[in-house]
Structures are given as C-alpha cells and as structure tokens.
Amino acid sequence: MDVLLVPILEIMVMIINLYLNVIFIAVVISWLVGFGIINTSNQFVFMVVKFFKGLTEPAFRKIDEFIPAMGGMSLSPVVLIFGCIFVKQVLIRLIFKFS
C-alpha cells in the first residue's frame, strides 16, 4: 500500500505547490491590471489574464461567499493560500508517516 500511496501524496504536494504559484501570479497580474501597468486591450495580455482568472476565480468566488471584502480588497487569495499550505503540510506529514 505504501508503494502506491507515497508517490500519489508527493504528486498532490507538487500540484498544491504549482497552484500556490498560480495564485501568486494571478494576484500580481490583477494588481498590475488594476494599477494600469499592463493593458488588457493587448490580445496576448488578455489571454494570460483570462487564463489565470479561469484557474483562480472559482476558488476565490467560493471563499468570497463566506468572507466579504475588507476595504475594497478581497481576502480570498490569502485564505486560499493558507488553506493550500495547511493541506500541503498535512500531506507532507502523511508522506513521512508512510515512508
């Protein structure tokens, strides 16, 4: 059982690490668009923004249902990052337990 479980848990940790990077990039891109540093009228920029929003907005919307924005800033990325880190740490503990 351990032979299969540990690699699956390691893959899940890698996916969470990748998603944490996606969240960070999406937040930075939204700030750059909000401050007018990058322009979404450029087709390539629009596609990049749409891609990262498509990956993060569903999770952000679910969190925004429970936690309202404070001062015009959404706390959903912070909550999602903390949640991902928590799940990642649990998976790492399981990996150490089973290996």
PDB file of N, CA and C in Angstrom:
ATOM      1  N   MET A   1       0.818  -1.194   0.000  1.00  0.00           N
ATOM      2  CA  MET A   1       0.000   0.000   0.000  1.00  0.00           C
ATOM      3  C   MET A   1       0.865   1.263   0.000  1.00  0.00           C
ATOM      4  N   ASP A   2       1.952   1.246   0.783  1.00  0.00           N
ATOM      5  CA  ASP A   2       2.826   2.409   0.856  1.00  0.00           C
ATOM      6  C   ASP A   2       3.489   2.702  -0.481  1.00  0.00           C
ATOM      7  N   VAL A   3       3.694   1.654  -1.264  1.00  0.00           N
ATOM      8  CA  VAL A   3       4.370   1.821  -2.550  1.00  0.00           C
ATOM      9  C   VAL A   3       3.543   2.720  -3.466  1.00  0.00           C
ATOM     10  N   LEU A   4       2.246   2.638  -3.387  1.00  0.00           N
ATOM     11  CA  LEU A   4       1.377   3.458  -4.213  1.00  0.00           C
ATOM     12  C   LEU A   4       1.011   4.779  -3.553  1.00  0.00           C
ATOM     13  N   LEU A   5       0.833   4.754  -2.246  1.00  0.00           N
ATOM     14  CA  LEU A   5       0.330   5.925  -1.542  1.00  0.00           C
ATOM     15  C   LEU A   5       1.330   7.075  -1.496  1.00  0.00           C
ATOM     16  N   VAL A   6       2.575   6.794  -1.218  1.00  0.00           N
ATOM     17  CA  VAL A   6       3.579   7.859  -1.083  1.00  0.00           C
ATOM     18  C   VAL A   6       3.773   8.624  -2.396  1.00  0.00           C
ATOM     19  N   PRO A   7       3.923   7.974  -3.551  1.00  0.00           N
ATOM     20  CA  PRO A   7       4.055   8.756  -4.793  1.00  0.00           C
ATOM     21  C   PRO A   7       2.809   9.586  -5.115  1.00  0.00           C
ATOM     22  N   ILE A   8       1.629   9.052  -4.795  1.00  0.00           N
ATOM     23  CA  ILE A   8       0.401   9.814  -5.037  1.00  0.00           C
ATOM     24  C   ILE A   8       0.374  11.054  -4.147  1.00  0.00           C
ATOM     25  N   LEU A   9       0.747  10.905  -2.887  1.00  0.00           N
ATOM     26  CA  LEU A   9       0.792  12.046  -1.975  1.00  0.00           C
ATOM     27  C   LEU A   9       1.833  13.073  -2.437  1.00  0.00           C
ATOM     28  N   GLU A  10       2.978  12.601  -2.929  1.00  0.00           N
ATOM     29  CA  GLU A  10       4.004  13.518  -3.426  1.00  0.00           C
ATOM     30  C   GLU A  10       3.517  14.294  -4.648  1.00  0.00           C
ATOM     31  N   ILE A  11       2.775  13.640  -5.523  1.00  0.00           N
ATOM     32  CA  ILE A  11       2.212  14.324  -6.688  1.00  0.00           C
ATOM     33  C   ILE A  11       1.201  15.378  -6.239  1.00  0.00           C
ATOM     34  N   MET A  12       0.399  15.049  -5.223  1.00  0.00           N
ATOM     35  CA  MET A  12      -0.569  16.013  -4.702  1.00  0.00           C
ATOM     36  C   MET A  12       0.134  17.238  -4.110  1.00  0.00           C
ATOM     37  N   VAL A  13       1.260  17.020  -3.425  1.00  0.00           N
ATOM     38  CA  VAL A  13       2.030  18.143  -2.881  1.00  0.00           C
ATOM     39  C   VAL A  13       2.577  18.998  -4.015  1.00  0.00           C
ATOM     40  N   MET A  14       3.056  18.373  -5.086  1.00  0.00           N
ATOM     41  CA  MET A  14       3.560  19.142  -6.231  1.00  0.00           C
ATOM     42  C   MET A  14       2.452  19.954  -6.888  1.00  0.00           C
ATOM     43  N   ILE A  15       1.253  19.388  -6.989  1.00  0.00           N
ATOM     44  CA  ILE A  15       0.125  20.108  -7.574  1.00  0.00           C
ATOM     45  C   ILE A  15      -0.243  21.310  -6.708  1.00  0.00           C
ATOM     46  N   ILE A  16      -0.224  21.130  -5.393  1.00  0.00           N
ATOM     47  CA  ILE A  16      -0.518  22.249  -4.495  1.00  0.00           C
ATOM     48  C   ILE A  16       0.544  23.333  -4.633  1.00  0.00           C
ATOM     49  N   ASN A  17       1.813  22.949  -4.733  1.00  0.00           N
ATOM     50  CA  ASN A  17       2.882  23.939  -4.945  1.00  0.00           C
ATOM     51  C   ASN A  17       2.669  24.711  -6.242  1.00  0.00           C
ATOM     52  N   LEU A  18       2.293  24.012  -7.289  1.00  0.00           N
ATOM     53  CA  LEU A  18       2.023  24.658  -8.572  1.00  0.00           C
ATOM     54  C   LEU A  18       0.848  25.620  -8.449  1.00  0.00           C
ATOM     55  N   TYR A  19      -0.208  25.209  -7.752  1.00  0.00           N
ATOM     56  CA  TYR A  19      -1.381  26.072  -7.597  1.00  0.00           C
ATOM     57  C   TYR A  19      -1.061  27.298  -6.740  1.00  0.00           C
ATOM     58  N   LEU A  20      -0.193  27.143  -5.748  1.00  0.00           N
ATOM     59  CA  LEU A  20       0.235  28.300  -4.960  1.00  0.00           C
ATOM     60  C   LEU A  20       0.936  29.326  -5.844  1.00  0.00           C
ATOM     61  N   ASN A  21       1.751  28.860  -6.762  1.00  0.00           N
ATOM     62  CA  ASN A  21       2.410  29.765  -7.710  1.00  0.00           C
ATOM     63  C   ASN A  21       1.391  30.437  -8.628  1.00  0.00           C
ATOM     64  N   VAL A  22       0.388  29.686  -9.061  1.00  0.00           N
ATOM     65  CA  VAL A  22      -0.653  30.241  -9.918  1.00  0.00           C
ATOM     66  C   VAL A  22      -1.419  31.333  -9.169  1.00  0.00           C
ATOM     67  N   ILE A  23      -1.729  31.099  -7.897  1.00  0.00           N
ATOM     68  CA  ILE A  23      -2.426  32.112  -7.088  1.00  0.00           C
ATOM     69  C   ILE A  23      -1.583  33.381  -7.001  1.00  0.00           C
ATOM     70  N   PHE A  24      -0.303  33.213  -6.709  1.00  0.00           N
ATOM     71  CA  PHE A  24       0.585  34.376  -6.593  1.00  0.00           C
ATOM     72  C   PHE A  24       0.632  35.154  -7.905  1.00  0.00           C
ATOM     73  N   ILE A  25       0.786  34.465  -9.015  1.00  0.00           N
ATOM     74  CA  ILE A  25       0.845  35.129 -10.321  1.00  0.00           C
ATOM     75  C   ILE A  25      -0.471  35.832 -10.624  1.00  0.00           C
ATOM     76  N   ALA A  26      -1.605  35.195 -10.315  1.00  0.00           N
ATOM     77  CA  ALA A  26      -2.910  35.803 -10.573  1.00  0.00           C
ATOM     78  C   ALA A  26      -3.098  37.080  -9.761  1.00  0.00           C
ATOM     79  N   VAL A  27      -2.650  37.072  -8.516  1.00  0.00           N
ATOM     80  CA  VAL A  27      -2.770  38.267  -7.675  1.00  0.00           C
ATOM     81  C   VAL A  27      -1.902  39.393  -8.227  1.00  0.00           C
ATOM     82  N   VAL A  28      -0.673  39.074  -8.590  1.00  0.00           N
ATOM     83  CA  VAL A  28       0.224  40.103  -9.126  1.00  0.00           C
ATOM     84  C   VAL A  28      -0.334  40.662 -10.438  1.00  0.00           C
ATOM     85  N   ILE A  29      -0.851  39.789 -11.291  1.00  0.00           N
ATOM     86  CA  ILE A  29      -1.422  40.258 -12.557  1.00  0.00           C
ATOM     87  C   ILE A  29      -2.628  41.152 -12.291  1.00  0.00           C
ATOM     88  N   SER A  30      -3.468  40.782 -11.345  1.00  0.00           N
ATOM     89  CA  SER A  30      -4.637  41.627 -11.065  1.00  0.00           C
ATOM     90  C   SER A  30      -4.217  42.994 -10.534  1.00  0.00           C
ATOM     91  N   TRP A  31      -3.157  43.044  -9.740  1.00  0.00           N
ATOM     92  CA  TRP A  31      -2.639  44.333  -9.273  1.00  0.00           C
ATOM     93  C   TRP A  31      -2.100  45.150 -10.440  1.00  0.00           C
ATOM     94  N   LEU A  32      -1.355  44.512 -11.328  1.00  0.00           N
ATOM     95  CA  LEU A  32      -0.790  45.228 -12.473  1.00  0.00           C
ATOM     96  C   LEU A  32      -1.880  45.778 -13.381  1.00  0.00           C
ATOM     97  N   VAL A  33      -2.945  45.012 -13.565  1.00  0.00           N
ATOM     98  CA  VAL A  33      -4.061  45.488 -14.373  1.00  0.00           C
ATOM     99  C   VAL A  33      -4.787  46.609 -13.633  1.00  0.00           C
ATOM    100  N   GLY A  34      -4.998  46.435 -12.335  1.00  0.00           N
ATOM    101  CA  GLY A  34      -5.701  47.444 -11.543  1.00  0.00           C
ATOM    102  C   GLY A  34      -4.982  48.777 -11.488  1.00  0.00           C
ATOM    103  N   PHE A  35      -3.665  48.755 -11.459  1.00  0.00           N
ATOM    104  CA  PHE A  35      -2.890  49.990 -11.415  1.00  0.00           C
ATOM    105  C   PHE A  35      -2.558  50.534 -12.801  1.00  0.00           C
ATOM    106  N   GLY A  36      -3.026  49.846 -13.844  1.00  0.00           N
ATOM    107  CA  GLY A  36      -2.830  50.332 -15.206  1.00  0.00           C
ATOM    108  C   GLY A  36      -1.437  50.118 -15.746  1.00  0.00           C
ATOM    109  N   ILE A  37      -0.681  49.220 -15.152  1.00  0.00           N
ATOM    110  CA  ILE A  37       0.686  48.971 -15.621  1.00  0.00           C
ATOM    111  C   ILE A  37       0.671  48.101 -16.866  1.00  0.00           C
ATOM    112  N   ILE A  38      -0.221  47.117 -16.880  1.00  0.00           N
ATOM    113  CA  ILE A  38      -0.393  46.332 -18.106  1.00  0.00           C
ATOM    114  C   ILE A  38      -1.799  46.584 -18.635  1.00  0.00           C
ATOM    115  N   ASN A  39      -1.937  46.521 -19.944  1.00  0.00           N
ATOM    116  CA  ASN A  39      -3.182  46.863 -20.609  1.00  0.00           C
ATOM    117  C   ASN A  39      -3.803  45.601 -21.192  1.00  0.00           C
ATOM    118  N   THR A  40      -5.044  45.338 -20.830  1.00  0.00           N
ATOM    119  CA  THR A  40      -5.698  44.115 -21.311  1.00  0.00           C
ATOM    120  C   THR A  40      -6.241  44.259 -22.727  1.00  0.00           C
ATOM    121  N   SER A  41      -6.076  45.406 -23.349  1.00  0.00           N
ATOM    122  CA  SER A  41      -6.508  45.514 -24.743  1.00  0.00           C
ATOM    123  C   SER A  41      -5.544  44.778 -25.674  1.00  0.00           C
ATOM    124  N   ASN A  42      -4.334  44.494 -25.193  1.00  0.00           N
ATOM    125  CA  ASN A  42      -3.398  43.648 -25.935  1.00  0.00           C
ATOM    126  C   ASN A  42      -3.922  42.217 -25.885  1.00  0.00           C
ATOM    127  N   GLN A  43      -4.017  41.561 -27.022  1.00  0.00           N
ATOM    128  CA  GLN A  43      -4.618  40.230 -27.111  1.00  0.00           C
ATOM    129  C   GLN A  43      -3.861  39.198 -26.272  1.00  0.00           C
ATOM    130  N   PHE A  44      -2.538  39.235 -26.296  1.00  0.00           N
ATOM    131  CA  PHE A  44      -1.754  38.264 -25.525  1.00  0.00           C
ATOM    132  C   PHE A  44      -1.946  38.471 -24.033  1.00  0.00           C
ATOM    133  N   VAL A  45      -1.901  39.728 -23.593  1.00  0.00           N
ATOM    134  CA  VAL A  45      -2.102  40.038 -22.176  1.00  0.00           C
ATOM    135  C   VAL A  45      -3.491  39.608 -21.752  1.00  0.00           C
ATOM    136  N   PHE A  46      -4.489  39.855 -22.590  1.00  0.00           N
ATOM    137  CA  PHE A  46      -5.851  39.451 -22.282  1.00  0.00           C
ATOM    138  C   PHE A  46      -5.954  37.937 -22.107  1.00  0.00           C
ATOM    139  N   MET A  47      -5.289  37.177 -22.974  1.00  0.00           N
ATOM    140  CA  MET A  47      -5.325  35.718 -22.880  1.00  0.00           C
ATOM    141  C   MET A  47      -4.652  35.238 -21.595  1.00  0.00           C
ATOM    142  N   VAL A  48      -3.540  35.849 -21.213  1.00  0.00           N
ATOM    143  CA  VAL A  48      -2.837  35.472 -19.982  1.00  0.00           C
ATOM    144  C   VAL A  48      -3.701  35.771 -18.765  1.00  0.00           C
ATOM    145  N   VAL A  49      -4.302  36.964 -18.741  1.00  0.00           N
ATOM    146  CA  VAL A  49      -5.165  37.341 -17.619  1.00  0.00           C
ATOM    147  C   VAL A  49      -6.357  36.399 -17.536  1.00  0.00           C
ATOM    148  N   LYS A  50      -6.959  36.098 -18.671  1.00  0.00           N
ATOM    149  CA  LYS A  50      -8.114  35.198 -18.707  1.00  0.00           C
ATOM    150  C   LYS A  50      -7.731  33.795 -18.228  1.00  0.00           C
ATOM    151  N   PHE A  51      -6.543  33.324 -18.604  1.00  0.00           N
ATOM    152  CA  PHE A  51      -6.078  32.002 -18.195  1.00  0.00           C
ATOM    153  C   PHE A  51      -5.943  31.919 -16.674  1.00  0.00           C
ATOM    154  N   PHE A  52      -5.259  32.899 -16.086  1.00  0.00           N
ATOM    155  CA  PHE A  52      -5.045  32.852 -14.639  1.00  0.00           C
ATOM    156  C   PHE A  52      -6.333  33.109 -13.866  1.00  0.00           C
ATOM    157  N   LYS A  53      -7.208  33.961 -14.392  1.00  0.00           N
ATOM    158  CA  LYS A  53      -8.507  34.161 -13.737  1.00  0.00           C
ATOM    159  C   LYS A  53      -9.333  32.882 -13.793  1.00  0.00           C
ATOM    160  N   GLY A  54      -9.261  32.184 -14.903  1.00  0.00           N
ATOM    161  CA  GLY A  54     -10.003  30.930 -15.030  1.00  0.00           C
ATOM    162  C   GLY A  54      -9.544  29.876 -14.038  1.00  0.00           C
ATOM    163  N   LEU A  55      -8.267  29.903 -13.690  1.00  0.00           N
ATOM    164  CA  LEU A  55      -7.738  28.935 -12.731  1.00  0.00           C
ATOM    165  C   LEU A  55      -8.033  29.306 -11.281  1.00  0.00           C
ATOM    166  N   THR A  56      -8.147  30.599 -10.992  1.00  0.00           N
ATOM    167  CA  THR A  56      -8.264  31.012  -9.591  1.00  0.00           C
ATOM    168  C   THR A  56      -9.640  31.535  -9.206  1.00  0.00           C
ATOM    169  N   GLU A  57     -10.376  32.140 -10.123  1.00  0.00           N
ATOM    170  CA  GLU A  57     -11.641  32.779  -9.771  1.00  0.00           C
ATOM    171  C   GLU A  57     -12.681  31.840  -9.161  1.00  0.00           C
ATOM    172  N   PRO A  58     -12.826  30.593  -9.634  1.00  0.00           N
ATOM    173  CA  PRO A  58     -13.822  29.724  -8.979  1.00  0.00           C
ATOM    174  C   PRO A  58     -13.556  29.538  -7.478  1.00  0.00           C
ATOM    175  N   ALA A  59     -12.310  29.349  -7.117  1.00  0.00           N
ATOM    176  CA  ALA A  59     -11.979  29.193  -5.696  1.00  0.00           C
ATOM    177  C   ALA A  59     -12.150  30.514  -4.957  1.00  0.00           C
ATOM    178  N   PHE A  60     -11.755  31.611  -5.587  1.00  0.00           N
ATOM    179  CA  PHE A  60     -11.912  32.926  -4.955  1.00  0.00           C
ATOM    180  C   PHE A  60     -13.386  33.239  -4.708  1.00  0.00           C
ATOM    181  N   ARG A  61     -14.257  32.924  -5.682  1.00  0.00           N
ATOM    182  CA  ARG A  61     -15.679  33.195  -5.528  1.00  0.00           C
ATOM    183  C   ARG A  61     -16.291  32.413  -4.376  1.00  0.00           C
ATOM    184  N   LYS A  62     -15.902  31.142  -4.244  1.00  0.00           N
ATOM    185  CA  LYS A  62     -16.422  30.319  -3.139  1.00  0.00           C
ATOM    186  C   LYS A  62     -16.026  30.915  -1.790  1.00  0.00           C
ATOM    187  N   ILE A  63     -14.800  31.372  -1.681  1.00  0.00           N
ATOM    188  CA  ILE A  63     -14.332  31.955  -0.424  1.00  0.00           C
ATOM    189  C   ILE A  63     -15.005  33.306  -0.183  1.00  0.00           C
ATOM    190  N   ASP A  64     -15.216  34.086  -1.251  1.00  0.00           N
ATOM    191  CA  ASP A  64     -15.866  35.395  -1.110  1.00  0.00           C
ATOM    192  C   ASP A  64     -17.310  35.279  -0.640  1.00  0.00           C
ATOM    193  N   GLU A  65     -17.940  34.117  -0.856  1.00  0.00           N
ATOM    194  CA  GLU A  65     -19.298  33.915  -0.346  1.00  0.00           C
ATOM    195  C   GLU A  65     -19.320  33.933   1.182  1.00  0.00           C
ATOM    196  N   PHE A  66     -18.236  33.486   1.795  1.00  0.00           N
ATOM    197  CA  PHE A  66     -18.177  33.391   3.257  1.00  0.00           C
ATOM    198  C   PHE A  66     -17.454  34.560   3.903  1.00  0.00           C
ATOM    199  N   ILE A  67     -16.457  35.100   3.226  1.00  0.00           N
ATOM    200  CA  ILE A  67     -15.651  36.188   3.790  1.00  0.00           C
ATOM    201  C   ILE A  67     -15.777  37.405   2.871  1.00  0.00           C
ATOM    202  N   PRO A  68     -16.435  38.462   3.344  1.00  0.00           N
ATOM    203  CA  PRO A  68     -16.584  39.646   2.486  1.00  0.00           C
ATOM    204  C   PRO A  68     -15.271  40.408   2.338  1.00  0.00           C
ATOM    205  N   ALA A  69     -15.235  41.240   1.303  1.00  0.00           N
ATOM    206  CA  ALA A  69     -14.048  42.068   1.074  1.00  0.00           C
ATOM    207  C   ALA A  69     -13.931  43.119   2.176  1.00  0.00           C
ATOM    208  N   MET A  70     -12.699  43.414   2.551  1.00  0.00           N
ATOM    209  CA  MET A  70     -12.452  44.423   3.589  1.00  0.00           C
ATOM    210  C   MET A  70     -11.733  45.607   2.956  1.00  0.00           C
ATOM    211  N   GLY A  71     -12.353  46.748   3.013  1.00  0.00           N
ATOM    212  CA  GLY A  71     -11.729  47.949   2.459  1.00  0.00           C
ATOM    213  C   GLY A  71     -11.523  47.875   0.962  1.00  0.00           C
ATOM    214  N   GLY A  72     -12.387  47.166   0.267  1.00  0.00           N
ATOM    215  CA  GLY A  72     -12.264  47.043  -1.177  1.00  0.00           C
ATOM    216  C   GLY A  72     -11.284  45.985  -1.632  1.00  0.00           C
ATOM    217  N   MET A  73     -10.631  45.317  -0.680  1.00  0.00           N
ATOM    218  CA  MET A  73      -9.681  44.255  -1.043  1.00  0.00           C
ATOM    219  C   MET A  73     -10.249  42.907  -0.625  1.00  0.00           C
ATOM    220  N   SER A  74     -10.200  41.969  -1.527  1.00  0.00           N
ATOM    221  CA  SER A  74     -10.680  40.627  -1.243  1.00  0.00           C
ATOM    222  C   SER A  74      -9.616  39.855  -0.465  1.00  0.00           C
ATOM    223  N   LEU A  75     -10.047  39.172   0.562  1.00  0.00           N
ATOM    224  CA  LEU A  75      -9.131  38.350   1.348  1.00  0.00           C
ATOM    225  C   LEU A  75      -9.084  36.903   0.863  1.00  0.00           C
ATOM    226  N   SER A  76      -9.819  36.607  -0.198  1.00  0.00           N
ATOM    227  CA  SER A  76      -9.880  35.226  -0.669  1.00  0.00           C
ATOM    228  C   SER A  76      -8.528  34.652  -1.094  1.00  0.00           C
ATOM    229  N   PRO A  77      -7.623  35.416  -1.742  1.00  0.00           N
ATOM    230  CA  PRO A  77      -6.320  34.818  -2.053  1.00  0.00           C
ATOM    231  C   PRO A  77      -5.533  34.429  -0.802  1.00  0.00           C
ATOM    232  N   VAL A  78      -5.605  35.251   0.235  1.00  0.00           N
ATOM    233  CA  VAL A  78      -4.876  34.956   1.471  1.00  0.00           C
ATOM    234  C   VAL A  78      -5.443  33.691   2.123  1.00  0.00           C
ATOM    235  N   VAL A  79      -6.773  33.607   2.184  1.00  0.00           N
ATOM    236  CA  VAL A  79      -7.415  32.436   2.778  1.00  0.00           C
ATOM    237  C   VAL A  79      -7.082  31.184   1.972  1.00  0.00           C
ATOM    238  N   LEU A  80      -7.114  31.309   0.652  1.00  0.00           N
ATOM    239  CA  LEU A  80      -6.806  30.160  -0.203  1.00  0.00           C
ATOM    240  C   LEU A  80      -5.348  29.728  -0.052  1.00  0.00           C
ATOM    241  N   ILE A  81      -4.443  30.685   0.068  1.00  0.00           N
ATOM    242  CA  ILE A  81      -3.035  30.341   0.267  1.00  0.00           C
ATOM    243  C   ILE A  81      -2.847  29.620   1.597  1.00  0.00           C
ATOM    244  N   PHE A  82      -3.460  30.147   2.667  1.00  0.00           N
ATOM    245  CA  PHE A  82      -3.355  29.475   3.970  1.00  0.00           C
ATOM    246  C   PHE A  82      -3.964  28.075   3.921  1.00  0.00           C
ATOM    247  N   GLY A  83      -5.093  27.929   3.235  1.00  0.00           N
ATOM    248  CA  GLY A  83      -5.716  26.609   3.107  1.00  0.00           C
ATOM    249  C   GLY A  83      -4.834  25.629   2.347  1.00  0.00           C
ATOM    250  N   CYS A  84      -4.226  26.090   1.261  1.00  0.00           N
ATOM    251  CA  CYS A  84      -3.339  25.220   0.490  1.00  0.00           C
ATOM    252  C   CYS A  84      -2.109  24.823   1.304  1.00  0.00           C
ATOM    253  N   ILE A  85      -1.563  25.775   2.052  1.00  0.00           N
ATOM    254  CA  ILE A  85      -0.399  25.457   2.884  1.00  0.00           C
ATOM    255  C   ILE A  85      -0.771  24.443   3.964  1.00  0.00           C
ATOM    256  N   PHE A  86      -1.959  24.592   4.550  1.00  0.00           N
ATOM    257  CA  PHE A  86      -2.410  23.642   5.567  1.00  0.00           C
ATOM    258  C   PHE A  86      -2.537  22.229   4.984  1.00  0.00           C
ATOM    259  N   VAL A  87      -3.206  22.131   3.835  1.00  0.00           N
ATOM    260  CA  VAL A  87      -3.377  20.814   3.202  1.00  0.00           C
ATOM    261  C   VAL A  87      -2.028  20.234   2.807  1.00  0.00           C
ATOM    262  N   LYS A  88      -1.135  21.072   2.322  1.00  0.00           N
ATOM    263  CA  LYS A  88       0.203  20.616   1.936  1.00  0.00           C
ATOM    264  C   LYS A  88       0.959  20.058   3.140  1.00  0.00           C
ATOM    265  N   GLN A  89       0.881  20.729   4.262  1.00  0.00           N
ATOM    266  CA  GLN A  89       1.568  20.254   5.468  1.00  0.00           C
ATOM    267  C   GLN A  89       0.984  18.930   5.952  1.00  0.00           C
ATOM    268  N   VAL A  90      -0.329  18.787   5.861  1.00  0.00           N
ATOM    269  CA  VAL A  90      -0.949  17.505   6.241  1.00  0.00           C
ATOM    270  C   VAL A  90      -0.447  16.398   5.328  1.00  0.00           C
ATOM    271  N   LEU A  91      -0.384  16.662   4.040  1.00  0.00           N
ATOM    272  CA  LEU A  91       0.103  15.643   3.098  1.00  0.00           C
ATOM    273  C   LEU A  91       1.566  15.298   3.356  1.00  0.00           C
ATOM    274  N   ILE A  92       2.368  16.294   3.674  1.00  0.00           N
ATOM    275  CA  ILE A  92       3.780  16.033   3.969  1.00  0.00           C
ATOM    276  C   ILE A  92       3.916  15.158   5.209  1.00  0.00           C
ATOM    277  N   ARG A  93       3.099  15.436   6.220  1.00  0.00           N
ATOM    278  CA  ARG A  93       3.133  14.598   7.434  1.00  0.00           C
ATOM    279  C   ARG A  93       2.731  13.158   7.113  1.00  0.00           C
ATOM    280  N   LEU A  94       1.747  13.001   6.231  1.00  0.00           N
ATOM    281  CA  LEU A  94       1.356  11.650   5.826  1.00  0.00           C
ATOM    282  C   LEU A  94       2.466  10.951   5.063  1.00  0.00           C
ATOM    283  N   ILE A  95       3.161  11.699   4.229  1.00  0.00           N
ATOM    284  CA  ILE A  95       4.273  11.103   3.480  1.00  0.00           C
ATOM    285  C   ILE A  95       5.336  10.587   4.453  1.00  0.00           C
ATOM    286  N   PHE A  96       5.688  11.402   5.462  1.00  0.00           N
ATOM    287  CA  PHE A  96       6.681  10.967   6.433  1.00  0.00           C
ATOM    288  C   PHE A  96       6.183   9.792   7.266  1.00  0.00           C
ATOM    289  N   LYS A  97       4.903   9.752   7.528  1.00  0.00           N
ATOM    290  CA  LYS A  97       4.339   8.655   8.323  1.00  0.00           C
ATOM    291  C   LYS A  97       4.408   7.328   7.555  1.00  0.00           C
ATOM    292  N   PHE A  98       4.139   7.396   6.259  1.00  0.00           N
ATOM    293  CA  PHE A  98       4.078   6.155   5.475  1.00  0.00           C
ATOM    294  C   PHE A  98       5.411   5.757   4.844  1.00  0.00           C
ATOM    295  N   SER A  99       6.414   6.621   4.867  1.00  0.00           N
ATOM    296  CA  SER A  99       7.684   6.231   4.237  1.00  0.00           C
ATOM    297  C   SER A  99       8.700   5.790   5.267  1.00  0.00           C
TER     298      SER A  99
END
